[in-house]
């Protein structure tokens, strides 16, 4: 079982209620076991982080990155976070929100190949 910071529970609930448009679009393609019958969870707590989407069966996390992830500070934080997650034995796939809007089929195909 993965460690998670219980103090983040309320915040993760808020994030589920206030998903970005890119997250909503991708979630519409991932929910209800639409890909290979794999269960996906959104805004899941892993350690001290909240990830956008998590598939425990495939040990896969999917992150949708907005503009703040491409700043110097954002890149640094994402690297620390990804290193922690990878040490837990979980693979991380990152997509920009522009990729989700402009090539949703390509994004879904990449996720499918990693399940």
C-alpha atoms as a PDB file:
ATOM      1  CA  UNK A   1       0.000   0.000   0.000  1.00  0.00           C
ATOM      2  CA  UNK A   2       1.266   3.459  -0.898  1.00  0.00           C
ATOM      3  CA  UNK A   3       1.804   6.084   1.786  1.00  0.00           C
ATOM      4  CA  UNK A   4      -0.364   9.155   1.471  1.00  0.00           C
ATOM      5  CA  UNK A   5      -0.595  12.362   3.442  1.00  0.00           C
ATOM      6  CA  UNK A   6      -4.086  12.392   4.960  1.00  0.00           C
ATOM      7  CA  UNK A   7      -3.833  16.168   5.392  1.00  0.00           C
ATOM      8  CA  UNK A   8      -4.205  16.491   1.599  1.00  0.00           C
ATOM      9  CA  UNK A   9      -7.549  14.670   1.479  1.00  0.00           C
ATOM     10  CA  UNK A  10      -9.769  17.766   1.555  1.00  0.00           C
ATOM     11  CA  UNK A  11      -7.589  19.514  -1.030  1.00  0.00           C
ATOM     12  CA  UNK A  12      -7.766  16.519  -3.385  1.00  0.00           C
ATOM     13  CA  UNK A  13     -11.571  16.569  -3.088  1.00  0.00           C
ATOM     14  CA  UNK A  14     -11.559  20.236  -4.031  1.00  0.00           C
ATOM     15  CA  UNK A  15      -9.346  19.528  -7.034  1.00  0.00           C
ATOM     16  CA  UNK A  16     -11.762  16.817  -8.208  1.00  0.00           C
ATOM     17  CA  UNK A  17     -14.602  19.322  -8.026  1.00  0.00           C
ATOM     18  CA  UNK A  18     -12.600  22.036  -9.841  1.00  0.00           C
ATOM     19  CA  UNK A  19     -10.863  20.114 -12.625  1.00  0.00           C
ATOM     20  CA  UNK A  20      -9.332  22.053 -15.507  1.00  0.00           C
ATOM     21  CA  UNK A  21     -10.937  21.786 -18.933  1.00  0.00           C
ATOM     22  CA  UNK A  22      -8.053  19.575 -20.132  1.00  0.00           C
ATOM     23  CA  UNK A  23      -8.488  17.263 -17.136  1.00  0.00           C
ATOM     24  CA  UNK A  24     -12.237  17.068 -17.770  1.00  0.00           C
ATOM     25  CA  UNK A  25     -11.688  16.128 -21.405  1.00  0.00           C
ATOM     26  CA  UNK A  26      -9.155  13.435 -20.579  1.00  0.00           C
ATOM     27  CA  UNK A  27     -11.249  12.136 -17.671  1.00  0.00           C
ATOM     28  CA  UNK A  28     -14.183  11.661 -20.066  1.00  0.00           C
ATOM     29  CA  UNK A  29     -11.964   9.179 -21.960  1.00  0.00           C
ATOM     30  CA  UNK A  30     -10.481   7.423 -18.913  1.00  0.00           C
ATOM     31  CA  UNK A  31     -13.394   6.998 -16.536  1.00  0.00           C
ATOM     32  CA  UNK A  32     -15.516   3.880 -16.185  1.00  0.00           C
ATOM     33  CA  UNK A  33     -12.688   1.529 -17.193  1.00  0.00           C
ATOM     34  CA  UNK A  34     -12.802   2.621 -20.845  1.00  0.00           C
ATOM     35  CA  UNK A  35      -9.164   1.695 -21.541  1.00  0.00           C
ATOM     36  CA  UNK A  36      -8.479  -2.048 -21.358  1.00  0.00           C
ATOM     37  CA  UNK A  37     -10.902  -2.286 -18.447  1.00  0.00           C
ATOM     38  CA  UNK A  38      -8.391  -0.552 -16.127  1.00  0.00           C
ATOM     39  CA  UNK A  39      -9.731   1.501 -13.222  1.00  0.00           C
ATOM     40  CA  UNK A  40      -8.468   5.094 -13.128  1.00  0.00           C
ATOM     41  CA  UNK A  41      -8.644   7.501 -10.225  1.00  0.00           C
ATOM     42  CA  UNK A  42      -8.434  11.279 -10.416  1.00  0.00           C
ATOM     43  CA  UNK A  43      -6.682  13.660  -8.040  1.00  0.00           C
ATOM     44  CA  UNK A  44      -5.181  10.792  -6.062  1.00  0.00           C
ATOM     45  CA  UNK A  45      -2.797  11.372  -3.152  1.00  0.00           C
ATOM     46  CA  UNK A  46       0.585   9.653  -3.500  1.00  0.00           C
ATOM     47  CA  UNK A  47       2.922  10.473  -0.623  1.00  0.00           C
ATOM     48  CA  UNK A  48       2.867  14.262  -0.211  1.00  0.00           C
ATOM     49  CA  UNK A  49       1.621  14.859  -3.759  1.00  0.00           C
ATOM     50  CA  UNK A  50      -1.712  14.888  -5.541  1.00  0.00           C
ATOM     51  CA  UNK A  51      -1.510  13.384  -9.021  1.00  0.00           C
ATOM     52  CA  UNK A  52      -4.004  14.099 -11.798  1.00  0.00           C
ATOM     53  CA  UNK A  53      -4.803  10.480 -12.708  1.00  0.00           C
ATOM     54  CA  UNK A  54      -3.642   7.179 -11.245  1.00  0.00           C
ATOM     55  CA  UNK A  55      -4.057   3.588 -12.424  1.00  0.00           C
ATOM     56  CA  UNK A  56      -2.892   1.220  -9.662  1.00  0.00           C
ATOM     57  CA  UNK A  57      -3.189  -1.925 -11.796  1.00  0.00           C
ATOM     58  CA  UNK A  58      -0.714  -0.517 -14.342  1.00  0.00           C
ATOM     59  CA  UNK A  59       1.369   1.461 -11.791  1.00  0.00           C
ATOM     60  CA  UNK A  60       0.811   4.501 -13.996  1.00  0.00           C
ATOM     61  CA  UNK A  61       0.308   8.183 -13.265  1.00  0.00           C
ATOM     62  CA  UNK A  62      -0.890  10.631 -15.898  1.00  0.00           C
ATOM     63  CA  UNK A  63      -0.188  14.323 -15.428  1.00  0.00           C
ATOM     64  CA  UNK A  64      -1.684  17.166 -17.450  1.00  0.00           C
ATOM     65  CA  UNK A  65       0.609  20.177 -17.365  1.00  0.00           C
ATOM     66  CA  UNK A  66      -0.513  23.761 -17.765  1.00  0.00           C
ATOM     67  CA  UNK A  67       1.772  26.739 -18.309  1.00  0.00           C
ATOM     68  CA  UNK A  68       3.057  26.892 -14.720  1.00  0.00           C
ATOM     69  CA  UNK A  69       4.840  23.551 -15.254  1.00  0.00           C
ATOM     70  CA  UNK A  70       7.109  25.070 -17.907  1.00  0.00           C
ATOM     71  CA  UNK A  71       8.679  27.743 -15.707  1.00  0.00           C
ATOM     72  CA  UNK A  72      12.067  27.166 -14.081  1.00  0.00           C
ATOM     73  CA  UNK A  73      10.413  26.620 -10.701  1.00  0.00           C
ATOM     74  CA  UNK A  74       7.721  24.341 -12.165  1.00  0.00           C
ATOM     75  CA  UNK A  75      10.264  22.158 -13.951  1.00  0.00           C
ATOM     76  CA  UNK A  76      12.309  21.823 -10.756  1.00  0.00           C
ATOM     77  CA  UNK A  77       9.258  20.872  -8.645  1.00  0.00           C
ATOM     78  CA  UNK A  78       8.058  18.357 -11.252  1.00  0.00           C
ATOM     79  CA  UNK A  79      11.475  16.673 -11.325  1.00  0.00           C
ATOM     80  CA  UNK A  80      11.507  16.247  -7.533  1.00  0.00           C
ATOM     81  CA  UNK A  81       7.938  14.944  -7.601  1.00  0.00           C
ATOM     82  CA  UNK A  82       8.571  12.565 -10.512  1.00  0.00           C
ATOM     83  CA  UNK A  83      11.717  11.210  -8.848  1.00  0.00           C
ATOM     84  CA  UNK A  84       9.747  10.436  -5.686  1.00  0.00           C
ATOM     85  CA  UNK A  85       6.949   8.759  -7.645  1.00  0.00           C
ATOM     86  CA  UNK A  86       9.367   6.685  -9.731  1.00  0.00           C
ATOM     87  CA  UNK A  87      11.024   5.470  -6.521  1.00  0.00           C
ATOM     88  CA  UNK A  88       7.610   4.082  -5.583  1.00  0.00           C
ATOM     89  CA  UNK A  89       7.721   1.961  -8.739  1.00  0.00           C
ATOM     90  CA  UNK A  90       5.179   4.053 -10.627  1.00  0.00           C
ATOM     91  CA  UNK A  91       5.609   5.289 -14.190  1.00  0.00           C
ATOM     92  CA  UNK A  92       4.710   8.912 -14.971  1.00  0.00           C
ATOM     93  CA  UNK A  93       3.310  10.118 -18.305  1.00  0.00           C
ATOM     94  CA  UNK A  94       3.146  13.881 -18.785  1.00  0.00           C
ATOM     95  CA  UNK A  95       1.108  15.715 -21.401  1.00  0.00           C
ATOM     96  CA  UNK A  96       0.609  19.427 -21.901  1.00  0.00           C
ATOM     97  CA  UNK A  97      -2.918  20.742 -21.783  1.00  0.00           C
ATOM     98  CA  UNK A  98      -2.356  21.832 -25.400  1.00  0.00           C
ATOM     99  CA  UNK A  99      -1.639  18.198 -26.361  1.00  0.00           C
ATOM    100  CA  UNK A 100      -4.878  17.093 -24.715  1.00  0.00           C
ATOM    101  CA  UNK A 101      -6.910  19.674 -26.638  1.00  0.00           C
ATOM    102  CA  UNK A 102      -5.042  19.353 -29.938  1.00  0.00           C
ATOM    103  CA  UNK A 103      -4.406  15.606 -30.086  1.00  0.00           C
ATOM    104  CA  UNK A 104      -6.654  13.769 -27.636  1.00  0.00           C
ATOM    105  CA  UNK A 105      -6.526  10.599 -29.755  1.00  0.00           C
ATOM    106  CA  UNK A 106      -2.713  10.580 -29.657  1.00  0.00           C
ATOM    107  CA  UNK A 107      -2.764  11.110 -25.890  1.00  0.00           C
ATOM    108  CA  UNK A 108      -5.224   8.244 -25.410  1.00  0.00           C
ATOM    109  CA  UNK A 109      -3.116   5.997 -27.666  1.00  0.00           C
ATOM    110  CA  UNK A 110       0.026   6.721 -25.620  1.00  0.00           C
ATOM    111  CA  UNK A 111      -1.820   5.966 -22.377  1.00  0.00           C
ATOM    112  CA  UNK A 112      -3.277   2.773 -23.876  1.00  0.00           C
ATOM    113  CA  UNK A 113       0.219   1.588 -24.876  1.00  0.00           C
ATOM    114  CA  UNK A 114       1.427   2.096 -21.289  1.00  0.00           C
ATOM    115  CA  UNK A 115      -1.386   0.156 -19.605  1.00  0.00           C
END
